[in-house]
Amino acid sequence: MPQPVELVGFRVGVTPAEKRTDRNGNEKVVGGTAWYQADEIRPLNAVPTSRKSASQEG
């Protein structure tokens, strides 16, 4: 069953598409990719690990 998570340091990047010409002189668009990266994946019910978060609770 899916569970909600927090993506820490989530980033999205895009590699632009390029125009290339093949041997017959035809132009083609190649590439163009989106990528996603996160430093950490935490379940939403996880206990905070930073001092700042822990001190604010108590």
N, C-alpha and C. Protein backbone atom coordinates (compact mmCIF):
# COMPACT_ATOMS: atom_id res chain seq x y z
N MET A 1 0.84 -1.17 0.00
CA MET A 1 0.00 0.00 0.00
C MET A 1 0.89 1.25 0.00
N PRO A 2 0.65 2.21 -0.87
CA PRO A 2 1.48 3.42 -0.92
C PRO A 2 1.40 4.22 0.37
N GLN A 3 2.53 4.81 0.74
CA GLN A 3 2.61 5.63 1.95
C GLN A 3 3.14 7.00 1.58
N PRO A 4 2.64 8.08 2.19
CA PRO A 4 3.16 9.41 1.90
C PRO A 4 4.59 9.57 2.40
N VAL A 5 5.42 10.26 1.62
CA VAL A 5 6.81 10.47 1.98
C VAL A 5 7.19 11.93 1.77
N GLU A 6 8.29 12.31 2.40
CA GLU A 6 8.88 13.64 2.21
C GLU A 6 10.14 13.45 1.39
N LEU A 7 10.30 14.25 0.32
CA LEU A 7 11.50 14.19 -0.50
C LEU A 7 12.40 15.35 -0.08
N VAL A 8 13.50 15.05 0.57
CA VAL A 8 14.43 16.06 1.08
C VAL A 8 15.42 16.40 -0.02
N GLY A 9 15.60 17.67 -0.31
CA GLY A 9 16.54 18.10 -1.34
C GLY A 9 16.09 17.70 -2.73
N PHE A 10 14.80 17.78 -3.00
CA PHE A 10 14.25 17.36 -4.29
C PHE A 10 14.64 18.35 -5.39
N ARG A 11 15.16 17.84 -6.50
CA ARG A 11 15.57 18.66 -7.63
C ARG A 11 15.04 18.06 -8.92
N VAL A 12 14.72 18.94 -9.85
CA VAL A 12 14.28 18.52 -11.19
C VAL A 12 15.20 19.20 -12.19
N GLY A 13 15.65 18.44 -13.17
CA GLY A 13 16.51 19.00 -14.21
C GLY A 13 16.01 18.59 -15.58
N VAL A 14 16.41 19.36 -16.58
CA VAL A 14 16.01 19.07 -17.95
C VAL A 14 17.25 19.13 -18.83
N THR A 15 17.46 18.08 -19.60
CA THR A 15 18.51 18.06 -20.61
C THR A 15 17.87 18.49 -21.92
N PRO A 16 18.32 19.59 -22.53
CA PRO A 16 17.65 20.08 -23.73
C PRO A 16 17.81 19.13 -24.92
N ALA A 17 16.81 19.18 -25.78
CA ALA A 17 16.86 18.39 -27.01
C ALA A 17 17.85 19.03 -27.99
N GLU A 18 18.43 18.21 -28.86
CA GLU A 18 19.39 18.71 -29.86
C GLU A 18 18.90 18.36 -31.26
N LYS A 19 19.20 19.23 -32.20
CA LYS A 19 18.92 18.92 -33.60
C LYS A 19 20.17 18.33 -34.22
N ARG A 20 20.02 17.19 -34.86
CA ARG A 20 21.15 16.55 -35.54
C ARG A 20 20.76 16.24 -36.97
N THR A 21 21.76 16.23 -37.82
CA THR A 21 21.54 15.90 -39.22
C THR A 21 22.14 14.53 -39.50
N ASP A 22 21.33 13.65 -40.09
CA ASP A 22 21.84 12.31 -40.39
C ASP A 22 22.60 12.32 -41.72
N ARG A 23 23.06 11.15 -42.15
CA ARG A 23 23.86 11.04 -43.37
C ARG A 23 23.12 11.51 -44.62
N ASN A 24 21.80 11.41 -44.61
CA ASN A 24 21.00 11.80 -45.77
C ASN A 24 20.60 13.27 -45.76
N GLY A 25 21.05 14.00 -44.75
CA GLY A 25 20.74 15.43 -44.67
C GLY A 25 19.41 15.72 -43.98
N ASN A 26 18.79 14.70 -43.42
CA ASN A 26 17.52 14.90 -42.70
C ASN A 26 17.81 15.34 -41.27
N GLU A 27 17.07 16.37 -40.84
CA GLU A 27 17.24 16.88 -39.49
C GLU A 27 16.36 16.10 -38.53
N LYS A 28 16.93 15.69 -37.39
CA LYS A 28 16.18 14.96 -36.37
C LYS A 28 16.39 15.63 -35.03
N VAL A 29 15.36 15.61 -34.21
CA VAL A 29 15.47 16.11 -32.84
C VAL A 29 15.68 14.90 -31.94
N VAL A 30 16.78 14.91 -31.19
CA VAL A 30 17.10 13.80 -30.30
C VAL A 30 17.35 14.33 -28.89
N GLY A 31 17.22 13.46 -27.92
CA GLY A 31 17.48 13.84 -26.53
C GLY A 31 16.26 14.49 -25.91
N GLY A 32 16.50 15.38 -25.00
CA GLY A 32 15.42 16.04 -24.29
C GLY A 32 14.89 15.15 -23.19
N THR A 33 15.54 15.16 -22.04
CA THR A 33 15.17 14.28 -20.94
C THR A 33 14.96 15.09 -19.67
N ALA A 34 13.94 14.72 -18.91
CA ALA A 34 13.75 15.31 -17.58
C ALA A 34 14.26 14.30 -16.56
N TRP A 35 14.92 14.80 -15.51
CA TRP A 35 15.41 13.92 -14.46
C TRP A 35 15.02 14.48 -13.11
N TYR A 36 14.91 13.58 -12.13
CA TYR A 36 14.50 13.92 -10.77
C TYR A 36 15.50 13.31 -9.80
N GLN A 37 15.79 14.04 -8.72
CA GLN A 37 16.75 13.54 -7.74
C GLN A 37 16.35 14.06 -6.36
N ALA A 38 16.51 13.22 -5.35
CA ALA A 38 16.28 13.62 -3.96
C ALA A 38 17.45 13.12 -3.12
N ASP A 39 17.85 13.93 -2.14
CA ASP A 39 18.93 13.53 -1.25
C ASP A 39 18.47 12.45 -0.28
N GLU A 40 17.20 12.51 0.09
CA GLU A 40 16.69 11.58 1.09
C GLU A 40 15.19 11.42 0.92
N ILE A 41 14.69 10.23 1.19
CA ILE A 41 13.25 9.97 1.18
C ILE A 41 12.88 9.53 2.59
N ARG A 42 11.96 10.29 3.21
CA ARG A 42 11.55 9.98 4.59
C ARG A 42 10.05 9.70 4.62
N PRO A 43 9.63 8.70 5.38
CA PRO A 43 8.20 8.53 5.60
C PRO A 43 7.67 9.70 6.42
N LEU A 44 6.45 10.12 6.18
CA LEU A 44 5.91 11.28 6.90
C LEU A 44 5.74 11.03 8.39
N ASN A 45 5.69 9.80 8.82
CA ASN A 45 5.57 9.52 10.24
C ASN A 45 6.92 9.35 10.91
N ALA A 46 8.03 9.72 10.26
CA ALA A 46 9.37 9.59 10.83
C ALA A 46 9.60 10.64 11.92
N VAL A 47 10.42 10.30 12.88
CA VAL A 47 10.80 11.22 13.96
C VAL A 47 11.83 12.20 13.40
N PRO A 48 11.68 13.53 13.66
CA PRO A 48 12.66 14.50 13.16
C PRO A 48 14.05 14.20 13.70
N THR A 49 15.08 14.38 12.86
CA THR A 49 16.44 14.09 13.27
C THR A 49 17.28 15.34 13.53
N SER A 50 16.82 16.51 13.10
CA SER A 50 17.62 17.72 13.29
C SER A 50 17.37 18.31 14.69
N ARG A 51 18.38 19.00 15.23
CA ARG A 51 18.27 19.61 16.55
C ARG A 51 17.18 20.67 16.59
N LYS A 52 17.10 21.46 15.53
CA LYS A 52 16.14 22.54 15.46
C LYS A 52 14.72 22.01 15.59
N SER A 53 14.39 20.96 14.86
CA SER A 53 13.05 20.37 14.91
C SER A 53 12.76 19.77 16.27
N ALA A 54 13.74 19.08 16.87
CA ALA A 54 13.55 18.42 18.16
C ALA A 54 13.37 19.46 19.27
N SER A 55 14.10 20.56 19.21
CA SER A 55 14.00 21.57 20.26
C SER A 55 12.68 22.36 20.17
N GLN A 56 12.13 22.49 19.00
CA GLN A 56 10.87 23.20 18.85
C GLN A 56 9.70 22.38 19.42
N GLU A 57 9.83 21.06 19.43
CA GLU A 57 8.75 20.21 19.92
C GLU A 57 8.68 20.21 21.46
N GLY A 58 9.82 20.30 22.14
CA GLY A 58 9.84 20.14 23.59
C GLY A 58 9.95 21.43 24.27
